[in-house]
Amino acid sequence: QEKFVETGGALVQPGGSLTLSCKTSGFELPNWATAWFRQAPGLEREAISCLSSNNGNASYSDSVKGRFTISRDDAKDTVYLQMHNLKPEDAGIYYCAAEKWYWYCRQDWTRPSDYIYWGQGTQVTVPA
């Protein structure tokens, strides 16, 4: 059975860095695009980044472009999100998920309904 488990969340001061991990199991990671989302209290789940599987192309939201990097290690069945220069608005629960149908990130890659196998999330706190 497919399972995604996110770890690495922590309390980080503004300007700090953090790397999140998403360990997958029962899933053919090389064959599907994967993505990171985050959700702050009272807000909708926001797409952060998507990584296509075969060509390594990555997409980022404007809010994190230039600060966050998505990557994948197929040998470890793990997807990563490196975060730098963290801001209070980056706080929230971070989730990873797999694209339902494609190995590549769609042109509109930001819809949560296009993803499957959501983990339980990991909390990132950046105090104001």
Foldseek 3Di string as FASTA:
>chain_A
DKAWAKDWADEDEAQAKTKIKIAIPPDQVLWWKKFKWFDDPPDDIWTAKIAQRPPGDMDGDPVQPPFWDWDDDSVRNMIMIIGGRDDQVVWGWMKMWTFPDGSGQDPPNIDPVRTDNIHPTHTHGYDD
